[in-house]
């Protein structure tokens, strides 16, 4: 795992593949799996339930696997699966689904 300079908050139980770059001021929660060769930009928040494939690029300011916006689904277990080679551009929000 390779880190850029700067502060970041990465939970010790997050599963991060090899040759992953993680930018400054990024938060990665406990129940997260990131595949090999991914590039995670700065100021990204990856919430519990994210499953990110190999060789993905997540640009700065993205919010990945945030809780669903529907109140009735907030307590339901859910995942967000992102396939290999996906590019997520700046400031995108991807919520978990059910």
C-alpha atoms as a PDB file:
ATOM      1  CA  UNK A   1       0.000   0.000   0.000  1.00  0.00           C
ATOM      2  CA  UNK A   2       1.392   3.390  -0.972  1.00  0.00           C
ATOM      3  CA  UNK A   3       0.272   6.654   0.656  1.00  0.00           C
ATOM      4  CA  UNK A   4       0.609  10.225  -0.524  1.00  0.00           C
ATOM      5  CA  UNK A   5       1.892  12.810   1.943  1.00  0.00           C
ATOM      6  CA  UNK A   6      -0.661  14.266   4.335  1.00  0.00           C
ATOM      7  CA  UNK A   7      -3.211  13.184   6.884  1.00  0.00           C
ATOM      8  CA  UNK A   8      -5.651  10.341   6.333  1.00  0.00           C
ATOM      9  CA  UNK A   9      -7.872   8.163   8.520  1.00  0.00           C
ATOM     10  CA  UNK A  10      -7.795   4.504   7.484  1.00  0.00           C
ATOM     11  CA  UNK A  11      -9.366   1.896   9.747  1.00  0.00           C
ATOM     12  CA  UNK A  12      -6.979  -0.940  10.594  1.00  0.00           C
ATOM     13  CA  UNK A  13      -9.565  -3.573   9.540  1.00  0.00           C
ATOM     14  CA  UNK A  14     -10.121  -2.131   6.056  1.00  0.00           C
ATOM     15  CA  UNK A  15      -8.863  -4.556   3.399  1.00  0.00           C
ATOM     16  CA  UNK A  16      -6.644  -2.667   0.993  1.00  0.00           C
ATOM     17  CA  UNK A  17      -4.988  -4.417  -1.939  1.00  0.00           C
ATOM     18  CA  UNK A  18      -1.462  -4.029  -3.222  1.00  0.00           C
ATOM     19  CA  UNK A  19      -0.188  -0.988  -5.130  1.00  0.00           C
ATOM     20  CA  UNK A  20      -3.051   1.206  -3.909  1.00  0.00           C
ATOM     21  CA  UNK A  21      -2.456   4.957  -3.724  1.00  0.00           C
ATOM     22  CA  UNK A  22      -4.478   6.911  -1.153  1.00  0.00           C
ATOM     23  CA  UNK A  23      -4.458  10.711  -1.166  1.00  0.00           C
ATOM     24  CA  UNK A  24      -4.370  13.165   1.710  1.00  0.00           C
ATOM     25  CA  UNK A  25      -7.351  13.800   3.989  1.00  0.00           C
ATOM     26  CA  UNK A  26      -9.104  10.604   2.894  1.00  0.00           C
ATOM     27  CA  UNK A  27     -11.194   8.512   5.303  1.00  0.00           C
ATOM     28  CA  UNK A  28     -11.668   4.762   4.846  1.00  0.00           C
ATOM     29  CA  UNK A  29     -13.989   3.011   7.306  1.00  0.00           C
ATOM     30  CA  UNK A  30     -13.764  -0.520   8.763  1.00  0.00           C
ATOM     31  CA  UNK A  31     -15.920  -2.670   6.446  1.00  0.00           C
ATOM     32  CA  UNK A  32     -14.253  -1.662   3.165  1.00  0.00           C
ATOM     33  CA  UNK A  33     -12.490  -3.782   0.534  1.00  0.00           C
ATOM     34  CA  UNK A  34     -10.304  -2.066  -2.081  1.00  0.00           C
ATOM     35  CA  UNK A  35      -8.755  -4.107  -4.892  1.00  0.00           C
ATOM     36  CA  UNK A  36      -5.194  -4.008  -6.189  1.00  0.00           C
ATOM     37  CA  UNK A  37      -3.918  -1.068  -8.218  1.00  0.00           C
ATOM     38  CA  UNK A  38      -6.580   1.485  -7.213  1.00  0.00           C
ATOM     39  CA  UNK A  39      -5.939   5.218  -6.994  1.00  0.00           C
ATOM     40  CA  UNK A  40      -7.957   7.028  -4.322  1.00  0.00           C
ATOM     41  CA  UNK A  41      -7.727  10.823  -4.486  1.00  0.00           C
ATOM     42  CA  UNK A  42      -7.611  13.327  -1.659  1.00  0.00           C
ATOM     43  CA  UNK A  43     -10.638  14.285   0.422  1.00  0.00           C
ATOM     44  CA  UNK A  44     -12.472  11.041  -0.393  1.00  0.00           C
ATOM     45  CA  UNK A  45     -14.715   9.332   2.196  1.00  0.00           C
ATOM     46  CA  UNK A  46     -15.286   5.599   1.745  1.00  0.00           C
ATOM     47  CA  UNK A  47     -17.982   4.390   4.128  1.00  0.00           C
ATOM     48  CA  UNK A  48     -18.649   0.872   5.439  1.00  0.00           C
ATOM     49  CA  UNK A  49     -20.002  -1.570   2.869  1.00  0.00           C
ATOM     50  CA  UNK A  50     -17.836  -0.484  -0.081  1.00  0.00           C
ATOM     51  CA  UNK A  51     -16.434  -3.227  -2.311  1.00  0.00           C
ATOM     52  CA  UNK A  52     -14.132  -1.652  -4.881  1.00  0.00           C
ATOM     53  CA  UNK A  53     -12.651  -3.758  -7.695  1.00  0.00           C
ATOM     54  CA  UNK A  54      -9.143  -3.648  -9.108  1.00  0.00           C
ATOM     55  CA  UNK A  55      -7.552  -0.721 -10.949  1.00  0.00           C
ATOM     56  CA  UNK A  56     -10.295   1.771 -10.102  1.00  0.00           C
ATOM     57  CA  UNK A  57      -9.752   5.523  -9.933  1.00  0.00           C
ATOM     58  CA  UNK A  58     -11.657   7.673  -7.459  1.00  0.00           C
ATOM     59  CA  UNK A  59     -11.075  11.390  -7.901  1.00  0.00           C
ATOM     60  CA  UNK A  60     -10.955  14.008  -5.102  1.00  0.00           C
ATOM     61  CA  UNK A  61     -14.031  14.834  -3.073  1.00  0.00           C
ATOM     62  CA  UNK A  62     -16.005  11.664  -3.815  1.00  0.00           C
ATOM     63  CA  UNK A  63     -18.280  10.055  -1.209  1.00  0.00           C
ATOM     64  CA  UNK A  64     -18.471   6.285  -1.674  1.00  0.00           C
ATOM     65  CA  UNK A  65     -20.961   3.890  -0.013  1.00  0.00           C
ATOM     66  CA  UNK A  66     -22.695   6.550   2.061  1.00  0.00           C
ATOM     67  CA  UNK A  67     -25.897   5.424   3.830  1.00  0.00           C
ATOM     68  CA  UNK A  68     -29.074   5.376   1.691  1.00  0.00           C
ATOM     69  CA  UNK A  69     -31.025   8.610   1.613  1.00  0.00           C
ATOM     70  CA  UNK A  70     -34.338   6.827   2.251  1.00  0.00           C
ATOM     71  CA  UNK A  71     -35.009   6.862   6.003  1.00  0.00           C
ATOM     72  CA  UNK A  72     -36.667   3.448   6.005  1.00  0.00           C
ATOM     73  CA  UNK A  73     -33.482   1.839   4.639  1.00  0.00           C
ATOM     74  CA  UNK A  74     -30.915   3.408   6.986  1.00  0.00           C
ATOM     75  CA  UNK A  75     -30.697   0.378   9.285  1.00  0.00           C
ATOM     76  CA  UNK A  76     -30.794  -2.242   6.508  1.00  0.00           C
ATOM     77  CA  UNK A  77     -27.516  -4.008   5.700  1.00  0.00           C
ATOM     78  CA  UNK A  78     -26.338  -3.091   2.218  1.00  0.00           C
ATOM     79  CA  UNK A  79     -23.230  -2.966   0.042  1.00  0.00           C
ATOM     80  CA  UNK A  80     -21.952  -0.811  -2.792  1.00  0.00           C
ATOM     81  CA  UNK A  81     -20.037  -2.862  -5.365  1.00  0.00           C
ATOM     82  CA  UNK A  82     -17.815  -1.093  -7.874  1.00  0.00           C
ATOM     83  CA  UNK A  83     -16.449  -3.168 -10.761  1.00  0.00           C
ATOM     84  CA  UNK A  84     -12.869  -3.418 -11.999  1.00  0.00           C
ATOM     85  CA  UNK A  85     -11.495  -0.436 -13.899  1.00  0.00           C
ATOM     86  CA  UNK A  86     -14.241   1.994 -12.877  1.00  0.00           C
ATOM     87  CA  UNK A  87     -13.497   5.727 -12.873  1.00  0.00           C
ATOM     88  CA  UNK A  88     -15.430   7.881 -10.399  1.00  0.00           C
ATOM     89  CA  UNK A  89     -14.962  11.579 -11.063  1.00  0.00           C
ATOM     90  CA  UNK A  90     -14.662  14.503  -8.644  1.00  0.00           C
ATOM     91  CA  UNK A  91     -17.303  15.161  -5.998  1.00  0.00           C
ATOM     92  CA  UNK A  92     -19.555  12.204  -6.922  1.00  0.00           C
ATOM     93  CA  UNK A  93     -21.743  10.645  -4.230  1.00  0.00           C
ATOM     94  CA  UNK A  94     -22.559   6.937  -4.510  1.00  0.00           C
ATOM     95  CA  UNK A  95     -24.911   5.605  -1.829  1.00  0.00           C
ATOM     96  CA  UNK A  96     -25.341   1.989  -0.733  1.00  0.00           C
ATOM     97  CA  UNK A  97     -28.394   0.280  -2.140  1.00  0.00           C
ATOM     98  CA  UNK A  98     -30.728  -2.468  -0.967  1.00  0.00           C
END
